[in-house]
Amino acid sequence: MRKNIMNAAILLLLAFVAGACSDSDTTKTVDNGRRYGDATVLQVLDDNESDVSTMSFSLGASSKIVGINCDGDWKATVDAEWVTLSNYSGYGFANKYSYDKITVEKNKGSERTATVTFTSGSISKQLAITQKGAGGDPDDPFETSFELIENLKVGYNLGNTLDANPWDPTYTWWDPAKKTIADWETSWGQPLTTQEIIDYIASKGFNIIRVPVTWYPHMDANDNVSEEWMARVEQVVKYVLNAGCYCILNIQHDNGAANGRTDGGAWLYADINDYPALTVRYQKLWLQIAERFKNYDEKLIFESFNEILNKNYSWTAPSSTDDGAYQAINKLQQDFVNVVRGTGGNNKYRNLAVTTYSATGTSDTALAAFTVPEDPSSNHMYLSIHSYDPYNFCNNNAGKNDDGTEYNYNIEVFNEECTTVIDAVFARVSKRANEVGIPFIFGEFGAIDAGKALAERIKYAKYLKQKFAQYETAGLWWMGLIDRKTLTTNVVYDSKTVDEGEIIDALMK
């Protein structure tokens, strides 16, 4: 079935337009391979080509395709309004399956069941449908991840702030021992975060703020986070929650192999051989974070890590799902869930975000390699991906060739080429999220090349907003849009001031 699944859409269309008729109980085969009449074989097959009698769905709206192995006309009925089929009748094919897509609506109540019945002549086959509900644990006080995303508008990344990490062991101008917490926070050009800044961001309509944090410069030789740094992180988290916003707290630039640096640089990367040592540090860090914040309410979300890479620091996702980097990511994220849930308190039900390779790993291979961690708390996890697609529009891709001549692969106009790429990303991510039964968001997105014409960036913002609405999800823009020093939408890029208020308006409409 796996090799046939790519043809499912075509076959579904054929099933719609073709009639299923027979004036005899005798099965007949015609030249085009169709079979008419009553069946002697009727099977319902899942993606592993196994004959199945049960199928489960998450509580979100989603679809699954089944293969129907039948050597005659067939009909289908369903006994619940929340389940619909793409086809309610069809016929068999010689040497290949016909297909039916089963779609369930979002479940806002308790677990529910339905039955799809396929019949052909005297043969019938029942498929029991079960959909998870929101009320699986009566002690669970938190909204589900599906409800969380339903409540989101648009988000903002508080970048270049608590994630700033200017130190390199080769630098002579930056002595960590002489730097204050404020020095670290402002080292990448942003002002010290205040309640006023967060309130201004919230006043523009953003209702979720991601607070990226780089921890390693503030950890001792035994991986203990300094109390001063932890207190500052907590203060900024409180600013966000005080403003009535959701807050995402993560591990940011601890990720990666830092171009091979092993002395004082980023330490967390994806490598199955090094996993045993890496997870000890990873779990200790998350244990400290989780213990500190375990009594905060449902508006605080934990994110496993930012854009984790392999040991070679490659931004290109591995081409095989068997790659050890993927294995390490899946194991680390299981450790993340285990540690957070193990601390108890509100962490037992807190919504958690997990991600793919580099978070921008939205290829079919990277998504297929992603697995959802096992979680003792149901419906409290979502997939976060980052998308600056198409890259040549969203980012400045100008530079020089090896011979010194300038190249520029920039896409200057937001056009059909851009929308085609964006459509494909949404389709791939949504498909995988539906398969594994969790919702998704864009944890980072944006047309962040301010050199592009403002009107074109506004077109991008409007289009992304439409896609979020279409897929019932949300995204968080990466920085920009607001000058945190002046609390205006007049943002300075390389001595050029751009009023990005219209981009915000486009995102909010």
Protein backbone atom coordinates (compact mmCIF):
# COMPACT_ATOMS: atom_id res chain seq x y z
CA MET A 1 0.00 0.00 0.00
CA ARG A 2 2.89 2.35 0.66
CA LYS A 3 3.86 2.37 -3.02
CA ASN A 4 0.24 2.92 -3.99
CA ILE A 5 -0.58 5.64 -1.47
CA MET A 6 0.81 8.36 -3.73
CA ASN A 7 -1.86 7.41 -6.23
CA ALA A 8 -4.63 7.71 -3.66
CA ALA A 9 -5.80 11.14 -4.78
CA ILE A 10 -6.09 10.01 -8.39
CA LEU A 11 -7.94 6.87 -7.41
CA LEU A 12 -10.29 8.83 -5.15
CA LEU A 13 -11.16 11.03 -8.11
CA LEU A 14 -11.75 8.02 -10.29
CA ALA A 15 -14.06 6.57 -7.67
CA PHE A 16 -16.11 9.77 -7.62
CA VAL A 17 -16.66 9.98 -11.35
CA ALA A 18 -17.09 6.28 -12.17
CA GLY A 19 -20.32 4.44 -11.60
CA ALA A 20 -20.65 1.10 -9.89
CA CYS A 21 -23.32 -0.88 -11.70
CA SER A 22 -24.02 -4.50 -12.43
CA ASP A 23 -26.98 -6.38 -13.82
CA SER A 24 -25.66 -9.72 -12.61
CA ASP A 25 -24.43 -11.36 -9.44
CA THR A 26 -21.47 -12.61 -11.42
CA THR A 27 -18.30 -10.57 -11.08
CA LYS A 28 -17.16 -9.20 -14.42
CA THR A 29 -13.78 -7.75 -15.33
CA VAL A 30 -13.48 -5.25 -18.15
CA ASP A 31 -10.44 -4.10 -20.07
CA ASN A 32 -9.69 -1.12 -17.80
CA GLY A 33 -9.17 -3.45 -14.83
CA ARG A 34 -12.39 -2.63 -12.99
CA ARG A 35 -14.41 -5.43 -11.46
CA TYR A 36 -18.19 -5.33 -11.18
CA GLY A 37 -20.63 -7.49 -9.24
CA ASP A 38 -20.68 -9.04 -5.77
CA ALA A 39 -17.33 -9.61 -4.09
CA THR A 40 -15.73 -12.78 -2.84
CA VAL A 41 -12.99 -10.75 -1.07
CA LEU A 42 -13.45 -7.61 1.04
CA GLN A 43 -10.63 -6.24 3.18
CA VAL A 44 -9.91 -2.82 4.72
CA LEU A 45 -6.17 -2.15 4.82
CA ASP A 46 -4.08 0.32 6.79
CA ASP A 47 -0.80 1.91 5.74
CA ASN A 48 1.06 -1.31 6.54
CA GLU A 49 -1.23 -3.30 4.23
CA SER A 50 -2.72 -5.07 7.24
CA ASP A 51 -6.40 -5.98 7.27
CA VAL A 52 -7.78 -3.88 10.15
CA SER A 53 -11.03 -3.75 12.09
CA THR A 54 -10.16 -0.79 14.35
CA MET A 55 -8.68 2.64 13.79
CA SER A 56 -7.96 5.41 16.31
CA PHE A 57 -7.79 9.18 15.85
CA SER A 58 -6.51 12.02 18.00
CA LEU A 59 -9.02 14.58 19.25
CA GLY A 60 -8.08 17.05 16.51
CA ALA A 61 -9.72 17.17 13.09
CA SER A 62 -7.79 14.77 10.86
CA SER A 63 -8.03 12.20 8.09
CA LYS A 64 -6.69 8.76 7.27
CA ILE A 65 -6.78 6.85 4.02
CA VAL A 66 -7.64 3.16 3.93
CA GLY A 67 -7.16 0.73 1.09
CA ILE A 68 -10.07 -1.44 0.04
CA ASN A 69 -9.22 -4.84 -1.38
CA CYS A 70 -12.46 -5.93 -3.00
CA ASP A 71 -13.19 -7.86 -6.19
CA GLY A 72 -16.60 -6.31 -6.77
CA ASP A 73 -18.88 -3.35 -6.18
CA TRP A 74 -18.86 -2.04 -2.60
CA LYS A 75 -20.78 0.46 -0.53
CA ALA A 76 -19.93 2.18 2.76
CA THR A 77 -22.04 3.64 5.55
CA VAL A 78 -21.13 5.36 8.81
CA ASP A 79 -23.26 5.68 11.93
CA ALA A 80 -21.98 9.04 13.25
CA GLU A 81 -22.22 12.58 11.85
CA TRP A 82 -18.70 13.48 13.02
CA VAL A 83 -17.20 10.93 10.62
CA THR A 84 -17.35 11.48 6.87
CA LEU A 85 -16.05 9.47 3.93
CA SER A 86 -14.69 10.66 0.62
CA ASN A 87 -16.47 7.75 -1.10
CA TYR A 88 -19.61 5.91 -0.11
CA SER A 89 -19.42 3.45 -2.99
CA GLY A 90 -16.88 2.04 -5.39
CA TYR A 91 -15.69 -1.08 -7.11
CA GLY A 92 -12.71 -3.36 -7.16
CA PHE A 93 -9.69 -3.10 -9.39
CA ALA A 94 -7.55 -5.86 -10.77
CA ASN A 95 -4.20 -6.04 -8.99
CA LYS A 96 -4.65 -2.80 -7.04
CA TYR A 97 -6.73 -1.29 -4.28
CA SER A 98 -9.38 1.37 -4.29
CA TYR A 99 -9.18 3.97 -1.55
CA ASP A 100 -11.40 5.79 0.90
CA LYS A 101 -10.48 8.77 3.08
CA ILE A 102 -11.98 8.80 6.56
CA THR A 103 -12.24 12.26 8.11
CA VAL A 104 -13.17 13.06 11.72
CA GLU A 105 -14.17 16.42 13.16
CA LYS A 106 -12.41 17.91 16.16
CA ASN A 107 -13.67 16.35 19.38
CA LYS A 108 -14.46 18.84 22.13
CA GLY A 109 -15.95 16.25 24.46
CA SER A 110 -15.05 12.84 25.83
CA GLU A 111 -13.76 9.87 23.88
CA ARG A 112 -16.23 8.65 21.25
CA THR A 113 -16.71 5.77 18.85
CA ALA A 114 -18.31 5.14 15.47
CA THR A 115 -18.55 2.31 12.97
CA VAL A 116 -17.90 2.38 9.24
CA THR A 117 -19.46 -0.58 7.46
CA PHE A 118 -18.31 -1.73 4.02
CA THR A 119 -20.53 -4.19 2.14
CA SER A 120 -20.46 -6.06 -1.14
CA GLY A 121 -23.20 -8.57 -1.79
CA SER A 122 -23.40 -10.87 1.22
CA ILE A 123 -19.98 -9.82 2.58
CA SER A 124 -19.61 -7.02 5.12
CA LYS A 125 -16.63 -5.57 6.94
CA GLN A 126 -16.88 -3.25 9.95
CA LEU A 127 -14.23 -0.71 10.91
CA ALA A 128 -14.55 0.58 14.49
CA ILE A 129 -13.46 4.22 14.79
CA THR A 130 -12.29 5.59 18.15
CA GLN A 131 -11.44 9.25 18.69
CA LYS A 132 -9.69 10.48 21.80
CA GLY A 133 -11.43 13.06 23.95
CA ALA A 134 -10.30 16.01 25.99
CA GLY A 135 -11.58 14.67 29.29
CA GLY A 136 -9.49 11.54 29.65
CA ASP A 137 -8.13 12.52 33.07
CA PRO A 138 -10.68 14.06 35.46
CA ASP A 139 -7.83 15.59 37.49
CA ASP A 140 -6.38 17.39 34.46
CA PRO A 141 -7.01 21.15 34.91
CA PHE A 142 -5.12 22.33 31.80
CA GLU A 143 -6.39 23.01 28.30
CA THR A 144 -5.25 20.50 25.69
CA SER A 145 -2.65 21.37 23.08
CA PHE A 146 -5.47 21.49 20.53
CA GLU A 147 -7.37 24.01 22.66
CA LEU A 148 -4.17 25.98 23.24
CA ILE A 149 -3.58 26.43 19.51
CA GLU A 150 -7.23 27.26 18.97
CA ASN A 151 -6.77 30.15 21.43
CA LEU A 152 -3.67 31.56 19.74
CA LYS A 153 -3.69 34.62 17.50
CA VAL A 154 -0.15 35.48 16.40
CA GLY A 155 3.08 35.22 18.36
CA TYR A 156 6.34 37.09 18.76
CA ASN A 157 9.88 35.88 19.45
CA LEU A 158 11.81 37.86 22.06
CA GLY A 159 15.01 37.10 20.18
CA ASN A 160 18.57 38.33 20.71
CA THR A 161 17.85 38.80 24.41
CA LEU A 162 18.13 35.98 26.93
CA ASP A 163 19.43 33.83 24.09
CA ALA A 164 22.39 36.15 23.41
CA ASN A 165 25.72 34.32 23.69
CA PRO A 166 28.55 36.53 22.37
CA TRP A 167 31.30 34.67 24.15
CA ASP A 168 33.83 32.54 22.31
CA PRO A 169 36.95 31.12 24.04
CA THR A 170 39.09 32.94 21.44
CA TYR A 171 37.63 36.36 22.27
CA THR A 172 39.76 38.66 24.33
CA TRP A 173 37.26 41.49 24.53
CA TRP A 174 34.56 39.49 26.33
CA ASP A 175 35.50 38.25 29.78
CA PRO A 176 32.56 36.23 31.18
CA ALA A 177 33.83 36.67 34.72
CA LYS A 178 33.45 40.44 34.45
CA LYS A 179 30.06 40.53 32.76
CA THR A 180 26.76 41.14 34.53
CA ILE A 181 23.41 39.54 33.72
CA ALA A 182 22.42 42.79 32.03
CA ASP A 183 25.61 42.69 29.92
CA TRP A 184 24.67 39.27 28.59
CA GLU A 185 21.06 40.19 27.91
CA THR A 186 21.91 43.33 25.96
CA SER A 187 25.02 42.01 24.17
CA TRP A 188 23.21 41.47 20.86
CA GLY A 189 21.78 44.96 20.67
CA GLN A 190 18.40 44.64 22.35
CA PRO A 191 17.51 46.64 25.47
CA LEU A 192 17.01 45.14 28.90
CA THR A 193 13.53 43.59 28.89
CA THR A 194 10.92 45.38 30.98
CA GLN A 195 7.24 44.90 31.74
CA GLU A 196 6.58 47.97 29.62
CA ILE A 197 8.20 46.34 26.58
CA ILE A 198 6.19 43.15 26.96
CA ASP A 199 2.97 45.11 27.50
CA TYR A 200 3.63 47.04 24.29
CA ILE A 201 4.12 43.82 22.33
CA ALA A 202 0.88 42.44 23.76
CA SER A 203 -0.96 45.67 22.95
CA LYS A 204 -0.26 45.06 19.26
CA GLY A 205 -2.29 41.86 19.38
CA PHE A 206 0.39 39.23 19.98
CA ASN A 207 -0.90 36.76 22.57
CA ILE A 208 1.98 34.30 22.73
CA ILE A 209 5.62 35.29 23.27
CA ARG A 210 8.51 32.88 22.93
CA VAL A 211 11.39 33.57 25.31
CA PRO A 212 14.48 31.84 23.87
CA VAL A 213 17.14 31.21 26.53
CA THR A 214 20.77 30.17 26.16
CA TRP A 215 21.83 28.54 29.40
CA TYR A 216 25.40 27.28 29.08
CA PRO A 217 27.24 30.58 29.75
CA HIS A 218 25.49 30.62 33.12
CA MET A 219 26.19 27.03 34.14
CA ASP A 220 29.10 25.89 36.31
CA ALA A 221 31.36 22.91 35.73
CA ASN A 222 28.69 20.63 37.19
CA ASP A 223 25.96 22.08 34.93
CA ASN A 224 24.26 23.98 37.72
CA VAL A 225 22.50 27.13 36.49
CA SER A 226 23.41 30.22 38.49
CA GLU A 227 20.65 31.50 40.74
CA GLU A 228 21.09 35.01 39.35
CA TRP A 229 20.45 33.86 35.78
CA MET A 230 17.53 31.60 36.70
CA ALA A 231 15.93 34.48 38.62
CA ARG A 232 16.26 36.79 35.62
CA VAL A 233 14.69 34.22 33.31
CA GLU A 234 11.83 33.82 35.76
CA GLN A 235 11.36 37.58 35.92
CA VAL A 236 10.99 37.84 32.14
CA VAL A 237 8.59 34.89 32.08
CA LYS A 238 6.48 36.71 34.68
CA TYR A 239 6.46 39.83 32.49
CA VAL A 240 4.92 37.78 29.68
CA LEU A 241 2.35 36.08 31.87
CA ASN A 242 1.48 39.38 33.58
CA ALA A 243 0.64 40.77 30.12
CA GLY A 244 -1.94 38.00 29.67
CA CYS A 245 0.10 36.19 27.04
CA TYR A 246 1.15 32.60 26.68
CA CYS A 247 4.89 32.12 27.18
CA ILE A 248 7.18 29.54 25.55
CA LEU A 249 10.39 28.79 27.46
CA ASN A 250 13.10 26.75 25.79
CA ILE A 251 16.76 25.79 25.38
CA GLN A 252 18.09 27.94 22.52
CA HIS A 253 21.77 28.26 21.55
CA ASP A 254 22.96 25.41 23.73
CA ASN A 255 22.10 23.46 20.58
CA GLY A 256 24.58 22.48 17.92
CA ALA A 257 28.22 21.52 17.87
CA ALA A 258 29.25 25.16 17.59
CA ASN A 259 31.45 24.52 14.57
CA GLY A 260 33.43 21.92 16.44
CA ARG A 261 34.13 24.04 19.52
CA THR A 262 34.31 21.96 22.67
CA ASP A 263 35.66 24.54 25.09
CA GLY A 264 32.93 26.81 26.39
CA GLY A 265 30.74 26.62 23.31
CA ALA A 266 27.32 25.16 22.59
CA TRP A 267 27.21 21.56 23.69
CA LEU A 268 23.89 19.96 22.73
CA TYR A 269 23.78 18.21 19.36
CA ALA A 270 22.15 15.16 17.83
CA ASP A 271 24.43 12.15 17.66
CA ILE A 272 23.40 8.66 18.74
CA ASN A 273 26.94 7.68 19.71
CA ASP A 274 27.35 10.68 22.01
CA TYR A 275 23.77 10.52 23.27
CA PRO A 276 24.58 8.76 26.59
CA ALA A 277 26.80 11.63 27.73
CA LEU A 278 24.70 14.40 26.20
CA THR A 279 21.46 13.30 27.81
CA VAL A 280 22.94 13.43 31.30
CA ARG A 281 23.60 17.15 30.88
CA TYR A 282 20.34 17.69 29.00
CA GLN A 283 18.24 16.04 31.66
CA LYS A 284 19.98 17.90 34.47
CA LEU A 285 19.31 21.24 32.80
CA TRP A 286 15.65 20.46 32.19
CA LEU A 287 15.27 19.18 35.73
CA GLN A 288 16.38 22.58 37.06
CA ILE A 289 14.07 24.49 34.70
CA ALA A 290 11.10 22.23 35.38
CA GLU A 291 11.51 22.39 39.16
CA ARG A 292 11.73 26.17 39.09
CA PHE A 293 8.57 26.64 37.03
CA LYS A 294 6.45 23.63 37.98
CA ASN A 295 3.81 25.69 39.80
CA TYR A 296 3.15 28.12 36.93
CA ASP A 297 -0.20 27.83 35.19
CA GLU A 298 -1.14 26.52 31.76
CA LYS A 299 -0.02 29.64 29.92
CA LEU A 300 3.61 28.60 30.38
CA ILE A 301 4.79 26.12 27.75
CA PHE A 302 8.09 24.23 27.68
CA GLU A 303 9.89 23.62 24.35
CA SER A 304 12.43 20.80 24.18
CA PHE A 305 15.12 22.69 22.26
CA ASN A 306 15.57 25.13 19.41
CA GLU A 307 17.21 24.14 16.11
CA ILE A 308 19.20 21.07 17.05
CA LEU A 309 21.81 19.89 14.51
CA ASN A 310 24.03 16.88 14.12
CA LYS A 311 27.67 16.63 15.19
CA ASN A 312 28.80 18.11 11.88
CA TYR A 313 26.68 21.19 12.49
CA SER A 314 24.86 20.63 9.21
CA TRP A 315 21.71 22.60 8.44
CA THR A 316 20.79 20.04 5.79
CA ALA A 317 18.65 17.32 7.34
CA PRO A 318 20.02 13.77 6.92
CA SER A 319 18.67 11.96 3.87
CA SER A 320 17.91 8.68 5.63
CA THR A 321 15.41 8.12 8.42
CA ASP A 322 17.91 5.65 9.90
CA ASP A 323 20.45 8.40 10.55
CA GLY A 324 21.73 8.49 14.13
CA ALA A 325 20.91 12.17 14.43
CA TYR A 326 17.20 11.44 14.11
CA GLN A 327 17.48 8.62 16.62
CA ALA A 328 19.21 10.93 19.10
CA ILE A 329 16.58 13.67 18.67
CA ASN A 330 13.76 11.23 19.35
CA LYS A 331 15.50 9.86 22.44
CA LEU A 332 16.36 13.31 23.79
CA GLN A 333 12.79 14.50 23.39
CA GLN A 334 11.53 11.41 25.21
CA ASP A 335 13.95 12.29 28.02
CA PHE A 336 12.60 15.84 28.01
CA VAL A 337 9.04 14.59 28.51
CA ASN A 338 10.07 12.13 31.19
CA VAL A 339 11.97 14.72 33.21
CA VAL A 340 9.28 17.41 33.01
CA ARG A 341 6.42 15.06 33.88
CA GLY A 342 8.48 13.54 36.70
CA THR A 343 8.73 16.86 38.55
CA GLY A 344 4.99 16.85 39.24
CA GLY A 345 2.97 19.93 40.10
CA ASN A 346 1.51 21.61 37.04
CA ASN A 347 4.24 20.02 34.94
CA LYS A 348 2.18 16.84 35.00
CA TYR A 349 -0.21 18.44 32.51
CA ARG A 350 1.81 21.30 31.03
CA ASN A 351 1.70 21.63 27.24
CA LEU A 352 5.03 20.69 25.70
CA ALA A 353 6.52 21.51 22.31
CA VAL A 354 8.71 19.08 20.38
CA THR A 355 10.39 19.55 17.04
CA THR A 356 12.21 18.04 14.06
CA TYR A 357 15.86 18.16 12.98
CA SER A 358 16.94 21.83 13.01
CA ALA A 359 13.22 22.66 13.45
CA THR A 360 13.36 23.63 9.76
CA GLY A 361 13.40 19.92 8.90
CA THR A 362 10.16 19.86 6.95
CA SER A 363 11.27 17.47 4.22
CA ASP A 364 9.40 14.20 3.87
CA THR A 365 12.41 12.34 5.27
CA ALA A 366 12.86 14.58 8.32
CA LEU A 367 9.16 14.51 9.12
CA ALA A 368 8.96 10.74 8.67
CA ALA A 369 11.88 10.33 11.10
CA PHE A 370 10.11 12.40 13.76
CA THR A 371 8.33 10.39 16.44
CA VAL A 372 6.08 11.67 19.19
CA PRO A 373 7.40 10.94 22.69
CA GLU A 374 5.29 8.72 24.88
CA ASP A 375 3.47 10.90 27.37
CA PRO A 376 1.50 9.83 30.46
CA SER A 377 -0.65 12.94 30.02
CA SER A 378 -2.90 12.86 26.95
CA ASN A 379 -3.27 15.69 24.47
CA HIS A 380 -0.62 17.99 25.91
CA MET A 381 1.97 18.06 23.13
CA TYR A 382 2.40 19.86 19.81
CA LEU A 383 4.92 19.99 16.99
CA SER A 384 6.84 23.24 16.49
CA ILE A 385 8.55 23.87 13.18
CA HIS A 386 10.43 26.89 11.83
CA SER A 387 9.81 28.09 8.31
CA TYR A 388 11.56 30.91 6.49
CA ASP A 389 10.30 29.66 3.17
CA PRO A 390 11.09 30.38 0.51
CA TYR A 391 14.51 31.19 1.93
CA ASN A 392 15.47 33.40 -0.98
CA PHE A 393 12.53 35.66 -0.26
CA CYS A 394 12.45 35.61 3.53
CA ASN A 395 16.21 36.02 3.99
CA ASN A 396 18.93 38.06 2.36
CA ASN A 397 20.72 35.60 0.10
CA ALA A 398 23.23 37.94 -1.49
CA GLY A 399 26.95 37.23 -1.35
CA LYS A 400 30.04 36.52 -3.42
CA ASN A 401 31.10 33.64 -5.61
CA ASP A 402 34.49 31.97 -5.16
CA ASP A 403 35.95 34.24 -7.85
CA GLY A 404 34.85 37.34 -5.96
CA THR A 405 31.96 38.23 -8.24
CA GLU A 406 28.66 38.99 -6.58
CA TYR A 407 25.71 36.64 -6.78
CA ASN A 408 22.21 37.29 -5.66
CA TYR A 409 19.60 34.55 -5.57
CA ASN A 410 17.07 36.77 -3.87
CA ILE A 411 13.41 36.62 -4.81
CA GLU A 412 12.44 40.27 -4.69
CA VAL A 413 8.71 39.88 -5.33
CA PHE A 414 6.28 37.72 -3.40
CA ASN A 415 4.91 35.68 -6.27
CA GLU A 416 3.47 32.31 -7.23
CA GLU A 417 6.87 30.68 -6.77
CA CYS A 418 6.71 31.74 -3.11
CA THR A 419 3.16 30.56 -2.50
CA THR A 420 3.89 27.18 -4.09
CA VAL A 421 6.78 26.58 -1.69
CA ILE A 422 4.75 27.72 1.33
CA ASP A 423 1.76 25.57 0.35
CA ALA A 424 3.99 22.51 0.15
CA VAL A 425 5.49 23.11 3.62
CA PHE A 426 2.05 23.42 5.22
CA ALA A 427 0.79 20.31 3.43
CA ARG A 428 3.76 18.15 4.47
CA VAL A 429 3.78 19.28 8.10
CA SER A 430 0.01 18.99 8.45
CA LYS A 431 0.04 15.50 6.98
CA ARG A 432 2.69 14.30 9.42
CA ALA A 433 1.04 16.01 12.39
CA ASN A 434 -2.24 14.29 11.53
CA GLU A 435 -0.47 10.94 11.20
CA VAL A 436 1.09 11.16 14.66
CA GLY A 437 -1.98 12.75 16.24
CA ILE A 438 -0.73 16.11 17.50
CA PRO A 439 -1.29 19.69 16.30
CA PHE A 440 1.46 21.97 15.00
CA ILE A 441 2.51 25.61 14.95
CA PHE A 442 5.22 27.67 13.27
CA GLY A 443 7.45 28.46 16.26
CA GLU A 444 9.40 30.83 14.02
CA PHE A 445 8.52 32.40 10.68
CA GLY A 446 8.87 35.74 8.96
CA ALA A 447 10.04 37.73 5.97
CA ILE A 448 13.00 38.98 7.96
CA ASP A 449 15.03 40.45 5.10
CA ALA A 450 14.17 44.13 5.60
CA GLY A 451 15.93 44.88 2.32
CA LYS A 452 12.89 43.54 0.50
CA ALA A 453 10.19 46.03 -0.38
CA LEU A 454 7.77 46.53 2.50
CA ALA A 455 4.79 45.96 0.22
CA GLU A 456 6.11 42.51 -0.72
CA ARG A 457 6.72 41.56 2.91
CA ILE A 458 3.15 42.63 3.70
CA LYS A 459 1.93 40.27 0.95
CA TYR A 460 3.90 37.48 2.63
CA ALA A 461 2.36 38.28 6.03
CA LYS A 462 -1.16 38.28 4.59
CA TYR A 463 -0.58 34.96 2.85
CA LEU A 464 0.83 33.30 5.96
CA LYS A 465 -2.12 34.54 7.97
CA GLN A 466 -4.45 32.93 5.42
CA LYS A 467 -2.55 29.64 5.66
CA PHE A 468 -2.70 29.66 9.45
CA ALA A 469 -6.46 30.13 9.23
CA GLN A 470 -6.77 27.37 6.62
CA TYR A 471 -4.88 24.88 8.77
CA GLU A 472 -6.31 26.14 12.08
CA THR A 473 -2.91 26.88 13.53
CA ALA A 474 -0.69 29.88 14.37
CA GLY A 475 2.85 31.17 14.11
CA LEU A 476 5.37 33.35 15.94
CA TRP A 477 7.22 36.03 13.95
CA TRP A 478 10.96 36.21 14.55
CA MET A 479 11.80 39.58 16.12
CA GLY A 480 11.61 42.82 14.15
CA LEU A 481 8.24 44.57 13.76
CA ILE A 482 8.79 46.50 17.02
CA ASP A 483 11.68 48.68 18.13
CA ARG A 484 11.97 47.69 21.78
CA LYS A 485 14.08 50.75 22.58
CA THR A 486 11.54 53.30 21.39
CA LEU A 487 8.37 51.20 21.68
CA THR A 488 7.31 52.02 18.14
CA THR A 489 6.93 50.01 14.94
CA ASN A 490 9.74 52.05 13.34
CA VAL A 491 12.52 49.47 13.19
CA VAL A 492 16.07 50.40 12.18
CA TYR A 493 17.97 48.04 9.87
CA ASP A 494 21.50 49.10 8.86
CA SER A 495 20.70 52.80 9.36
CA LYS A 496 17.45 52.39 7.42
CA THR A 497 14.18 52.91 9.28
CA VAL A 498 11.21 50.78 8.25
CA ASP A 499 7.73 51.25 9.69
CA GLU A 500 6.57 47.65 10.06
CA GLY A 501 3.19 48.46 11.56
CA GLU A 502 1.45 47.39 8.36
CA ILE A 503 3.00 43.94 8.67
CA ILE A 504 1.56 43.66 12.17
CA ASP A 505 -1.83 44.78 10.85
CA ALA A 506 -1.69 42.13 8.13
CA LEU A 507 -0.89 39.43 10.70
CA MET A 508 -3.73 40.47 12.98
CA LYS A 509 -6.51 40.76 10.38
